[in-house]
Amino acid sequence: MLRAHPDLNGIACVSATGGPTLAQVLKSPEFQERIGKLVIVAFDDLEETKRAIDEGIIAATMVQRPVQMGVLTVQWAYDILTGKAKPPFQNIDTGVTVVTKENLNSYTK
């Protein structure tokens, strides 16, 4: 993709492995000059992704909120099992945290 589109200026990764893989590619001699020029937004906070953010290779990553997902799951299971309530079955946005170099050491899930 980088060879076919040398003028590409940004990539959004849609899986947890996309960011670390792309960071590894950019570290190769062929593409090192693209570091800092190609804006990469990754997904999830694998250690490799966080390291690439710290190194300035990845600009940001979108981090899910698994704690909130777990809280809702347990609460809704309890409500259903006890007949207390029937939660709405719809798409629920539990939010994301945008992690950048500025908040890399202070963000919470």
PDB file of N, CA and C in Angstrom:
ATOM      1  N   MET A   1       0.822  -1.180   0.000  1.00  0.00           N
ATOM      2  CA  MET A   1       0.000   0.000   0.000  1.00  0.00           C
ATOM      3  C   MET A   1       0.876   1.258   0.000  1.00  0.00           C
ATOM      4  N   LEU A   2       1.919   1.250   0.810  1.00  0.00           N
ATOM      5  CA  LEU A   2       2.783   2.425   0.869  1.00  0.00           C
ATOM      6  C   LEU A   2       3.570   2.624  -0.419  1.00  0.00           C
ATOM      7  N   ARG A   3       3.936   1.544  -1.068  1.00  0.00           N
ATOM      8  CA  ARG A   3       4.622   1.660  -2.360  1.00  0.00           C
ATOM      9  C   ARG A   3       3.669   2.142  -3.447  1.00  0.00           C
ATOM     10  N   ALA A   4       2.462   1.622  -3.435  1.00  0.00           N
ATOM     11  CA  ALA A   4       1.480   1.969  -4.467  1.00  0.00           C
ATOM     12  C   ALA A   4       0.954   3.385  -4.305  1.00  0.00           C
ATOM     13  N   HIS A   5       0.990   3.901  -3.082  1.00  0.00           N
ATOM     14  CA  HIS A   5       0.442   5.239  -2.802  1.00  0.00           C
ATOM     15  C   HIS A   5       1.454   6.070  -2.019  1.00  0.00           C
ATOM     16  N   PRO A   6       2.513   6.501  -2.655  1.00  0.00           N
ATOM     17  CA  PRO A   6       3.555   7.256  -1.947  1.00  0.00           C
ATOM     18  C   PRO A   6       3.074   8.607  -1.412  1.00  0.00           C
ATOM     19  N   ASP A   7       1.935   9.099  -1.927  1.00  0.00           N
ATOM     20  CA  ASP A   7       1.413  10.379  -1.449  1.00  0.00           C
ATOM     21  C   ASP A   7       0.399  10.218  -0.320  1.00  0.00           C
ATOM     22  N   LEU A   8       0.168   8.989   0.115  1.00  0.00           N
ATOM     23  CA  LEU A   8      -0.763   8.716   1.207  1.00  0.00           C
ATOM     24  C   LEU A   8      -0.296   9.449   2.460  1.00  0.00           C
ATOM     25  N   ASN A   9      -1.215  10.159   3.137  1.00  0.00           N
ATOM     26  CA  ASN A   9      -0.777  10.905   4.314  1.00  0.00           C
ATOM     27  C   ASN A   9      -1.431  10.453   5.617  1.00  0.00           C
ATOM     28  N   GLY A  10      -2.294   9.427   5.566  1.00  0.00           N
ATOM     29  CA  GLY A  10      -2.894   8.943   6.798  1.00  0.00           C
ATOM     30  C   GLY A  10      -3.486   7.557   6.651  1.00  0.00           C
ATOM     31  N   ILE A  11      -3.478   6.817   7.753  1.00  0.00           N
ATOM     32  CA  ILE A  11      -4.063   5.476   7.795  1.00  0.00           C
ATOM     33  C   ILE A  11      -4.791   5.308   9.119  1.00  0.00           C
ATOM     34  N   ALA A  12      -6.012   4.780   9.052  1.00  0.00           N
ATOM     35  CA  ALA A  12      -6.775   4.426  10.249  1.00  0.00           C
ATOM     36  C   ALA A  12      -6.807   2.904  10.348  1.00  0.00           C
ATOM     37  N   CYS A  13      -6.298   2.380  11.416  1.00  0.00           N
ATOM     38  CA  CYS A  13      -6.269   0.930  11.628  1.00  0.00           C
ATOM     39  C   CYS A  13      -7.562   0.503  12.314  1.00  0.00           C
ATOM     40  N   VAL A  14      -8.109  -0.619  11.897  1.00  0.00           N
ATOM     41  CA  VAL A  14      -9.390  -1.061  12.447  1.00  0.00           C
ATOM     42  C   VAL A  14      -9.280  -2.350  13.260  1.00  0.00           C
ATOM     43  N   SER A  15      -8.065  -2.786  13.519  1.00  0.00           N
ATOM     44  CA  SER A  15      -7.869  -3.936  14.399  1.00  0.00           C
ATOM     45  C   SER A  15      -6.678  -3.639  15.304  1.00  0.00           C
ATOM     46  N   ALA A  16      -6.586  -4.357  16.395  1.00  0.00           N
ATOM     47  CA  ALA A  16      -5.518  -4.114  17.363  1.00  0.00           C
ATOM     48  C   ALA A  16      -4.130  -4.372  16.790  1.00  0.00           C
ATOM     49  N   THR A  17      -4.037  -5.242  15.812  1.00  0.00           N
ATOM     50  CA  THR A  17      -2.716  -5.578  15.264  1.00  0.00           C
ATOM     51  C   THR A  17      -2.252  -4.624  14.160  1.00  0.00           C
ATOM     52  N   GLY A  18      -3.156  -3.822  13.635  1.00  0.00           N
ATOM     53  CA  GLY A  18      -2.801  -2.934  12.531  1.00  0.00           C
ATOM     54  C   GLY A  18      -1.752  -1.907  12.893  1.00  0.00           C
ATOM     55  N   GLY A  19      -1.903  -1.255  14.029  1.00  0.00           N
ATOM     56  CA  GLY A  19      -0.952  -0.219  14.438  1.00  0.00           C
ATOM     57  C   GLY A  19       0.456  -0.746  14.635  1.00  0.00           C
ATOM     58  N   PRO A  20       0.630  -1.799  15.455  1.00  0.00           N
ATOM     59  CA  PRO A  20       1.975  -2.334  15.646  1.00  0.00           C
ATOM     60  C   PRO A  20       2.613  -2.840  14.349  1.00  0.00           C
ATOM     61  N   THR A  21       1.809  -3.455  13.499  1.00  0.00           N
ATOM     62  CA  THR A  21       2.345  -3.962  12.233  1.00  0.00           C
ATOM     63  C   THR A  21       2.806  -2.812  11.354  1.00  0.00           C
ATOM     64  N   LEU A  22       1.997  -1.783  11.255  1.00  0.00           N
ATOM     65  CA  LEU A  22       2.361  -0.623  10.440  1.00  0.00           C
ATOM     66  C   LEU A  22       3.580   0.092  11.018  1.00  0.00           C
ATOM     67  N   ALA A  23       3.663   0.168  12.333  1.00  0.00           N
ATOM     68  CA  ALA A  23       4.841   0.780  12.968  1.00  0.00           C
ATOM     69  C   ALA A  23       6.105   0.007  12.616  1.00  0.00           C
ATOM     70  N   GLN A  24       6.007  -1.306  12.612  1.00  0.00           N
ATOM     71  CA  GLN A  24       7.146  -2.138  12.260  1.00  0.00           C
ATOM     72  C   GLN A  24       7.570  -1.895  10.804  1.00  0.00           C
ATOM     73  N   VAL A  25       6.592  -1.775   9.922  1.00  0.00           N
ATOM     74  CA  VAL A  25       6.891  -1.496   8.508  1.00  0.00           C
ATOM     75  C   VAL A  25       7.591  -0.147   8.373  1.00  0.00           C
ATOM     76  N   LEU A  26       7.108   0.858   9.097  1.00  0.00           N
ATOM     77  CA  LEU A  26       7.705   2.188   8.992  1.00  0.00           C
ATOM     78  C   LEU A  26       9.126   2.244   9.541  1.00  0.00           C
ATOM     79  N   LYS A  27       9.467   1.343  10.423  1.00  0.00           N
ATOM     80  CA  LYS A  27      10.828   1.310  10.960  1.00  0.00           C
ATOM     81  C   LYS A  27      11.829   0.718   9.964  1.00  0.00           C
ATOM     82  N   SER A  28      11.325   0.083   8.919  1.00  0.00           N
ATOM     83  CA  SER A  28      12.232  -0.501   7.923  1.00  0.00           C
ATOM     84  C   SER A  28      12.911   0.620   7.140  1.00  0.00           C
ATOM     85  N   PRO A  29      14.125   0.380   6.660  1.00  0.00           N
ATOM     86  CA  PRO A  29      14.857   1.417   5.922  1.00  0.00           C
ATOM     87  C   PRO A  29      14.067   2.013   4.749  1.00  0.00           C
ATOM     88  N   GLU A  30      13.260   1.203   4.092  1.00  0.00           N
ATOM     89  CA  GLU A  30      12.515   1.680   2.927  1.00  0.00           C
ATOM     90  C   GLU A  30      11.504   2.772   3.273  1.00  0.00           C
ATOM     91  N   PHE A  31      10.948   2.734   4.464  1.00  0.00           N
ATOM     92  CA  PHE A  31       9.855   3.659   4.795  1.00  0.00           C
ATOM     93  C   PHE A  31      10.139   4.584   5.978  1.00  0.00           C
ATOM     94  N   GLN A  32      11.338   4.560   6.517  1.00  0.00           N
ATOM     95  CA  GLN A  32      11.655   5.388   7.680  1.00  0.00           C
ATOM     96  C   GLN A  32      11.388   6.874   7.466  1.00  0.00           C
ATOM     97  N   GLU A  33      11.562   7.335   6.245  1.00  0.00           N
ATOM     98  CA  GLU A  33      11.347   8.768   5.982  1.00  0.00           C
ATOM     99  C   GLU A  33       9.876   9.168   6.120  1.00  0.00           C
ATOM    100  N   ARG A  34       8.969   8.196   6.186  1.00  0.00           N
ATOM    101  CA  ARG A  34       7.536   8.484   6.327  1.00  0.00           C
ATOM    102  C   ARG A  34       7.132   8.687   7.792  1.00  0.00           C
ATOM    103  N   ILE A  35       8.026   8.314   8.730  1.00  0.00           N
ATOM    104  CA  ILE A  35       7.714   8.490  10.154  1.00  0.00           C
ATOM    105  C   ILE A  35       7.519   9.974  10.442  1.00  0.00           C
ATOM    106  N   GLY A  36       6.405  10.290  11.075  1.00  0.00           N
ATOM    107  CA  GLY A  36       6.084  11.676  11.384  1.00  0.00           C
ATOM    108  C   GLY A  36       5.342  12.384  10.263  1.00  0.00           C
ATOM    109  N   LYS A  37       5.367  11.829   9.063  1.00  0.00           N
ATOM    110  CA  LYS A  37       4.643  12.401   7.935  1.00  0.00           C
ATOM    111  C   LYS A  37       3.352  11.646   7.674  1.00  0.00           C
ATOM    112  N   LEU A  38       3.389  10.333   7.847  1.00  0.00           N
ATOM    113  CA  LEU A  38       2.204   9.488   7.685  1.00  0.00           C
ATOM    114  C   LEU A  38       1.490   9.443   9.034  1.00  0.00           C
ATOM    115  N   VAL A  39       0.301  10.004   9.108  1.00  0.00           N
ATOM    116  CA  VAL A  39      -0.457  10.039  10.356  1.00  0.00           C
ATOM    117  C   VAL A  39      -1.183   8.704  10.520  1.00  0.00           C
ATOM    118  N   ILE A  40      -0.897   8.031  11.617  1.00  0.00           N
ATOM    119  CA  ILE A  40      -1.496   6.726  11.889  1.00  0.00           C
ATOM    120  C   ILE A  40      -2.363   6.818  13.134  1.00  0.00           C
ATOM    121  N   VAL A  41      -3.608   6.383  12.990  1.00  0.00           N
ATOM    122  CA  VAL A  41      -4.504   6.255  14.139  1.00  0.00           C
ATOM    123  C   VAL A  41      -4.771   4.762  14.294  1.00  0.00           C
ATOM    124  N   ALA A  42      -4.393   4.232  15.428  1.00  0.00           N
ATOM    125  CA  ALA A  42      -4.496   2.794  15.676  1.00  0.00           C
ATOM    126  C   ALA A  42      -5.755   2.485  16.488  1.00  0.00           C
ATOM    127  N   PHE A  43      -5.868   1.211  16.865  1.00  0.00           N
ATOM    128  CA  PHE A  43      -7.024   0.741  17.638  1.00  0.00           C
ATOM    129  C   PHE A  43      -6.514  -0.137  18.774  1.00  0.00           C
ATOM    130  N   ASP A  44      -6.962   0.146  19.975  1.00  0.00           N
ATOM    131  CA  ASP A  44      -6.602  -0.563  21.200  1.00  0.00           C
ATOM    132  C   ASP A  44      -5.200  -0.189  21.682  1.00  0.00           C
ATOM    133  N   ASP A  45      -4.875  -0.668  22.857  1.00  0.00           N
ATOM    134  CA  ASP A  45      -3.639  -0.209  23.499  1.00  0.00           C
ATOM    135  C   ASP A  45      -2.669  -1.346  23.819  1.00  0.00           C
ATOM    136  N   LEU A  46      -2.328  -2.094  22.795  1.00  0.00           N
ATOM    137  CA  LEU A  46      -1.272  -3.084  22.960  1.00  0.00           C
ATOM    138  C   LEU A  46       0.031  -2.370  23.331  1.00  0.00           C
ATOM    139  N   GLU A  47       0.902  -3.071  24.022  1.00  0.00           N
ATOM    140  CA  GLU A  47       2.180  -2.467  24.412  1.00  0.00           C
ATOM    141  C   GLU A  47       2.943  -1.933  23.200  1.00  0.00           C
ATOM    142  N   GLU A  48       2.902  -2.672  22.090  1.00  0.00           N
ATOM    143  CA  GLU A  48       3.605  -2.235  20.882  1.00  0.00           C
ATOM    144  C   GLU A  48       3.023  -0.930  20.342  1.00  0.00           C
ATOM    145  N   THR A  49       1.717  -0.769  20.461  1.00  0.00           N
ATOM    146  CA  THR A  49       1.065   0.462  20.010  1.00  0.00           C
ATOM    147  C   THR A  49       1.482   1.625  20.887  1.00  0.00           C
ATOM    148  N   LYS A  50       1.472   1.419  22.190  1.00  0.00           N
ATOM    149  CA  LYS A  50       1.870   2.487  23.111  1.00  0.00           C
ATOM    150  C   LYS A  50       3.332   2.879  22.898  1.00  0.00           C
ATOM    151  N   ARG A  51       4.164   1.906  22.652  1.00  0.00           N
ATOM    152  CA  ARG A  51       5.575   2.190  22.387  1.00  0.00           C
ATOM    153  C   ARG A  51       5.718   3.016  21.104  1.00  0.00           C
ATOM    154  N   ALA A  52       4.955   2.667  20.069  1.00  0.00           N
ATOM    155  CA  ALA A  52       5.020   3.404  18.799  1.00  0.00           C
ATOM    156  C   ALA A  52       4.481   4.822  18.955  1.00  0.00           C
ATOM    157  N   ILE A  53       3.511   5.028  19.835  1.00  0.00           N
ATOM    158  CA  ILE A  53       3.045   6.389  20.123  1.00  0.00           C
ATOM    159  C   ILE A  53       4.165   7.168  20.791  1.00  0.00           C
ATOM    160  N   ASP A  54       4.792   6.563  21.780  1.00  0.00           N
ATOM    161  CA  ASP A  54       5.887   7.212  22.490  1.00  0.00           C
ATOM    162  C   ASP A  54       7.039   7.557  21.548  1.00  0.00           C
ATOM    163  N   GLU A  55       7.268   6.702  20.553  1.00  0.00           N
ATOM    164  CA  GLU A  55       8.346   6.924  19.579  1.00  0.00           C
ATOM    165  C   GLU A  55       7.953   7.899  18.470  1.00  0.00           C
ATOM    166  N   GLY A  56       6.703   8.348  18.453  1.00  0.00           N
ATOM    167  CA  GLY A  56       6.263   9.293  17.434  1.00  0.00           C
ATOM    168  C   GLY A  56       5.894   8.653  16.105  1.00  0.00           C
ATOM    169  N   ILE A  57       5.731   7.336  16.077  1.00  0.00           N
ATOM    170  CA  ILE A  57       5.371   6.645  14.840  1.00  0.00           C
ATOM    171  C   ILE A  57       3.856   6.633  14.661  1.00  0.00           C
ATOM    172  N   ILE A  58       3.134   6.353  15.725  1.00  0.00           N
ATOM    173  CA  ILE A  58       1.667   6.370  15.717  1.00  0.00           C
ATOM    174  C   ILE A  58       1.215   7.644  16.408  1.00  0.00           C
ATOM    175  N   ALA A  59       0.264   8.345  15.801  1.00  0.00           N
ATOM    176  CA  ALA A  59      -0.214   9.609  16.360  1.00  0.00           C
ATOM    177  C   ALA A  59      -1.180   9.396  17.523  1.00  0.00           C
ATOM    178  N   ALA A  60      -2.062   8.405  17.389  1.00  0.00           N
ATOM    179  CA  ALA A  60      -3.077   8.185  18.417  1.00  0.00           C
ATOM    180  C   ALA A  60      -3.640   6.782  18.281  1.00  0.00           C
ATOM    181  N   THR A  61      -4.307   6.343  19.327  1.00  0.00           N
ATOM    182  CA  THR A  61      -5.023   5.076  19.267  1.00  0.00           C
ATOM    183  C   THR A  61      -6.361   5.244  19.977  1.00  0.00           C
ATOM    184  N   MET A  62      -7.340   4.525  19.499  1.00  0.00           N
ATOM    185  CA  MET A  62      -8.674   4.541  20.091  1.00  0.00           C
ATOM    186  C   MET A  62      -8.772   3.347  21.033  1.00  0.00           C
ATOM    187  N   VAL A  63      -9.011   3.605  22.302  1.00  0.00           N
ATOM    188  CA  VAL A  63      -9.029   2.546  23.307  1.00  0.00           C
ATOM    189  C   VAL A  63     -10.460   2.338  23.802  1.00  0.00           C
ATOM    190  N   GLN A  64     -10.899   1.100  23.725  1.00  0.00           N
ATOM    191  CA  GLN A  64     -12.232   0.761  24.217  1.00  0.00           C
ATOM    192  C   GLN A  64     -12.272   0.866  25.740  1.00  0.00           C
ATOM    193  N   ARG A  65     -13.467   0.814  26.279  1.00  0.00           N
ATOM    194  CA  ARG A  65     -13.643   0.868  27.731  1.00  0.00           C
ATOM    195  C   ARG A  65     -14.190  -0.461  28.238  1.00  0.00           C
ATOM    196  N   PRO A  66     -13.316  -1.457  28.386  1.00  0.00           N
ATOM    197  CA  PRO A  66     -13.777  -2.780  28.792  1.00  0.00           C
ATOM    198  C   PRO A  66     -14.379  -2.808  30.195  1.00  0.00           C
ATOM    199  N   VAL A  67     -13.946  -1.928  31.067  1.00  0.00           N
ATOM    200  CA  VAL A  67     -14.522  -1.899  32.414  1.00  0.00           C
ATOM    201  C   VAL A  67     -16.003  -1.534  32.328  1.00  0.00           C
ATOM    202  N   GLN A  68     -16.327  -0.519  31.545  1.00  0.00           N
ATOM    203  CA  GLN A  68     -17.725  -0.112  31.378  1.00  0.00           C
ATOM    204  C   GLN A  68     -18.537  -1.214  30.711  1.00  0.00           C
ATOM    205  N   MET A  69     -17.941  -1.904  29.749  1.00  0.00           N
ATOM    206  CA  MET A  69     -18.636  -3.016  29.099  1.00  0.00           C
ATOM    207  C   MET A  69     -18.958  -4.103  30.117  1.00  0.00           C
ATOM    208  N   GLY A  70     -18.016  -4.403  30.975  1.00  0.00           N
ATOM    209  CA  GLY A  70     -18.223  -5.415  32.003  1.00  0.00           C
ATOM    210  C   GLY A  70     -19.277  -5.010  33.014  1.00  0.00           C
ATOM    211  N   VAL A  71     -19.245  -3.754  33.438  1.00  0.00           N
ATOM    212  CA  VAL A  71     -20.235  -3.253  34.402  1.00  0.00           C
ATOM    213  C   VAL A  71     -21.636  -3.392  33.828  1.00  0.00           C
ATOM    214  N   LEU A  72     -21.831  -2.961  32.600  1.00  0.00           N
ATOM    215  CA  LEU A  72     -23.158  -3.061  31.983  1.00  0.00           C
ATOM    216  C   LEU A  72     -23.591  -4.512  31.818  1.00  0.00           C
ATOM    217  N   THR A  73     -22.675  -5.381  31.436  1.00  0.00           N
ATOM    218  CA  THR A  73     -23.008  -6.791  31.252  1.00  0.00           C
ATOM    219  C   THR A  73     -23.480  -7.423  32.547  1.00  0.00           C
ATOM    220  N   VAL A  74     -22.751  -7.202  33.619  1.00  0.00           N
ATOM    221  CA  VAL A  74     -23.121  -7.789  34.914  1.00  0.00           C
ATOM    222  C   VAL A  74     -24.436  -7.194  35.414  1.00  0.00           C
ATOM    223  N   GLN A  75     -24.577  -5.878  35.309  1.00  0.00           N
ATOM    224  CA  GLN A  75     -25.800  -5.235  35.791  1.00  0.00           C
ATOM    225  C   GLN A  75     -27.025  -5.714  35.011  1.00  0.00           C
ATOM    226  N   TRP A  76     -26.896  -5.785  33.696  1.00  0.00           N
ATOM    227  CA  TRP A  76     -28.030  -6.227  32.889  1.00  0.00           C
ATOM    228  C   TRP A  76     -28.350  -7.697  33.122  1.00  0.00           C
ATOM    229  N   ALA A  77     -27.328  -8.529  33.293  1.00  0.00           N
ATOM    230  CA  ALA A  77     -27.578  -9.945  33.592  1.00  0.00           C
ATOM    231  C   ALA A  77     -28.324 -10.075  34.909  1.00  0.00           C
ATOM    232  N   TYR A  78     -27.905  -9.336  35.898  1.00  0.00           N
ATOM    233  CA  TYR A  78     -28.579  -9.363  37.203  1.00  0.00           C
ATOM    234  C   TYR A  78     -30.029  -8.892  37.069  1.00  0.00           C
ATOM    235  N   ASP A  79     -30.220  -7.789  36.378  1.00  0.00           N
ATOM    236  CA  ASP A  79     -31.577  -7.242  36.198  1.00  0.00           C
ATOM    237  C   ASP A  79     -32.486  -8.234  35.487  1.00  0.00           C
ATOM    238  N   ILE A  80     -31.980  -8.895  34.471  1.00  0.00           N
ATOM    239  CA  ILE A  80     -32.783  -9.870  33.726  1.00  0.00           C
ATOM    240  C   ILE A  80     -33.095 -11.083  34.593  1.00  0.00           C
ATOM    241  N   LEU A  81     -32.090 -11.613  35.271  1.00  0.00           N
ATOM    242  CA  LEU A  81     -32.271 -12.824  36.073  1.00  0.00           C
ATOM    243  C   LEU A  81     -33.176 -12.615  37.286  1.00  0.00           C
ATOM    244  N   THR A  82     -33.180 -11.407  37.820  1.00  0.00           N
ATOM    245  CA  THR A  82     -34.019 -11.136  38.995  1.00  0.00           C
ATOM    246  C   THR A  82     -35.370 -10.550  38.612  1.00  0.00           C
ATOM    247  N   GLY A  83     -35.597 -10.360  37.315  1.00  0.00           N
ATOM    248  CA  GLY A  83     -36.863  -9.790  36.865  1.00  0.00           C
ATOM    249  C   GLY A  83     -37.012  -8.323  37.200  1.00  0.00           C
ATOM    250  N   LYS A  84     -35.940  -7.711  37.606  1.00  0.00           N
ATOM    251  CA  LYS A  84     -35.956  -6.303  38.005  1.00  0.00           C
ATOM    252  C   LYS A  84     -36.244  -5.374  36.826  1.00  0.00           C
ATOM    253  N   ALA A  85     -35.651  -5.685  35.716  1.00  0.00           N
ATOM    254  CA  ALA A  85     -35.828  -4.820  34.547  1.00  0.00           C
ATOM    255  C   ALA A  85     -35.352  -5.553  33.306  1.00  0.00           C
ATOM    256  N   LYS A  86     -35.810  -5.073  32.200  1.00  0.00           N
ATOM    257  CA  LYS A  86     -35.321  -5.572  30.919  1.00  0.00           C
ATOM    258  C   LYS A  86     -34.592  -4.415  30.244  1.00  0.00           C
ATOM    259  N   PRO A  87     -33.271  -4.505  30.190  1.00  0.00           N
ATOM    260  CA  PRO A  87     -32.517  -3.403  29.592  1.00  0.00           C
ATOM    261  C   PRO A  87     -32.823  -3.275  28.107  1.00  0.00           C
ATOM    262  N   PRO A  88     -32.633  -2.093  27.576  1.00  0.00           N
ATOM    263  CA  PRO A  88     -32.866  -1.910  26.136  1.00  0.00           C
ATOM    264  C   PRO A  88     -31.816  -2.672  25.327  1.00  0.00           C
ATOM    265  N   PHE A  89     -32.272  -3.489  24.414  1.00  0.00           N
ATOM    266  CA  PHE A  89     -31.334  -4.202  23.556  1.00  0.00           C
ATOM    267  C   PHE A  89     -31.144  -3.393  22.288  1.00  0.00           C
ATOM    268  N   GLN A  90     -30.101  -2.626  22.307  1.00  0.00           N
ATOM    269  CA  GLN A  90     -29.762  -1.749  21.200  1.00  0.00           C
ATOM    270  C   GLN A  90     -28.255  -1.545  21.220  1.00  0.00           C
ATOM    271  N   ASN A  91     -27.760  -0.835  20.263  1.00  0.00           N
ATOM    272  CA  ASN A  91     -26.336  -0.521  20.278  1.00  0.00           C
ATOM    273  C   ASN A  91     -26.069   0.470  21.395  1.00  0.00           C
ATOM    274  N   ILE A  92     -25.170   0.120  22.261  1.00  0.00           N
ATOM    275  CA  ILE A  92     -24.813   0.982  23.383  1.00  0.00           C
ATOM    276  C   ILE A  92     -23.369   1.430  23.191  1.00  0.00           C
ATOM    277  N   ASP A  93     -23.169   2.713  23.189  1.00  0.00           N
ATOM    278  CA  ASP A  93     -21.831   3.263  23.050  1.00  0.00           C
ATOM    279  C   ASP A  93     -21.227   3.401  24.441  1.00  0.00           C
ATOM    280  N   THR A  94     -20.260   2.555  24.751  1.00  0.00           N
ATOM    281  CA  THR A  94     -19.594   2.645  26.048  1.00  0.00           C
ATOM    282  C   THR A  94     -18.417   3.613  26.007  1.00  0.00           C
ATOM    283  N   GLY A  95     -18.209   4.209  24.861  1.00  0.00           N
ATOM    284  CA  GLY A  95     -17.191   5.239  24.730  1.00  0.00           C
ATOM    285  C   GLY A  95     -15.818   4.703  24.372  1.00  0.00           C
ATOM    286  N   VAL A  96     -14.972   5.607  23.992  1.00  0.00           N
ATOM    287  CA  VAL A  96     -13.576   5.301  23.716  1.00  0.00           C
ATOM    288  C   VAL A  96     -12.727   6.407  24.331  1.00  0.00           C
ATOM    289  N   THR A  97     -11.493   6.085  24.551  1.00  0.00           N
ATOM    290  CA  THR A  97     -10.520   7.076  24.995  1.00  0.00           C
ATOM    291  C   THR A  97      -9.513   7.239  23.866  1.00  0.00           C
ATOM    292  N   VAL A  98      -9.268   8.461  23.472  1.00  0.00           N
ATOM    293  CA  VAL A  98      -8.259   8.737  22.458  1.00  0.00           C
ATOM    294  C   VAL A  98      -6.930   8.927  23.186  1.00  0.00           C
ATOM    295  N   VAL A  99      -5.994   8.044  22.894  1.00  0.00           N
ATOM    296  CA  VAL A  99      -4.693   8.092  23.561  1.00  0.00           C
ATOM    297  C   VAL A  99      -3.664   8.658  22.593  1.00  0.00           C
ATOM    298  N   THR A 100      -2.983   9.691  23.034  1.00  0.00           N
ATOM    299  CA  THR A 100      -1.922  10.336  22.260  1.00  0.00           C
ATOM    300  C   THR A 100      -0.661  10.387  23.122  1.00  0.00           C
ATOM    301  N   LYS A 101       0.387  10.933  22.591  1.00  0.00           N
ATOM    302  CA  LYS A 101       1.625  11.062  23.366  1.00  0.00           C
ATOM    303  C   LYS A 101       1.401  11.913  24.620  1.00  0.00           C
ATOM    304  N   GLU A 102       0.493  12.873  24.519  1.00  0.00           N
ATOM    305  CA  GLU A 102       0.244  13.780  25.640  1.00  0.00           C
ATOM    306  C   GLU A 102      -0.406  13.092  26.837  1.00  0.00           C
ATOM    307  N   ASN A 103      -1.250  12.097  26.608  1.00  0.00           N
ATOM    308  CA  ASN A 103      -1.927  11.434  27.732  1.00  0.00           C
ATOM    309  C   ASN A 103      -1.549   9.950  27.862  1.00  0.00           C
ATOM    310  N   LEU A 104      -0.488   9.554  27.197  1.00  0.00           N
ATOM    311  CA  LEU A 104      -0.075   8.150  27.166  1.00  0.00           C
ATOM    312  C   LEU A 104       0.150   7.569  28.559  1.00  0.00           C
ATOM    313  N   ASN A 105       0.645   8.355  29.466  1.00  0.00           N
ATOM    314  CA  ASN A 105       0.947   7.848  30.812  1.00  0.00           C
ATOM    315  C   ASN A 105      -0.128   8.164  31.839  1.00  0.00           C
ATOM    316  N   SER A 106      -1.241   8.732  31.387  1.00  0.00           N
ATOM    317  CA  SER A 106      -2.262   9.117  32.374  1.00  0.00           C
ATOM    318  C   SER A 106      -3.692   8.712  32.001  1.00  0.00           C
ATOM    319  N   TYR A 107      -3.916   8.113  30.842  1.00  0.00           N
ATOM    320  CA  TYR A 107      -5.276   7.763  30.433  1.00  0.00           C
ATOM    321  C   TYR A 107      -5.812   6.597  31.258  1.00  0.00           C
ATOM    322  N   THR A 108      -7.120   6.518  31.326  1.00  0.00           N
ATOM    323  CA  THR A 108      -7.758   5.394  32.010  1.00  0.00           C
ATOM    324  C   THR A 108      -8.752   4.752  31.055  1.00  0.00           C
ATOM    325  N   LYS A 109      -9.013   3.479  31.288  1.00  0.00           N
ATOM    326  CA  LYS A 109      -9.960   2.750  30.446  1.00  0.00           C
ATOM    327  C   LYS A 109     -11.314   2.956  31.038  1.00  0.00           C
TER     328      LYS A 109
END
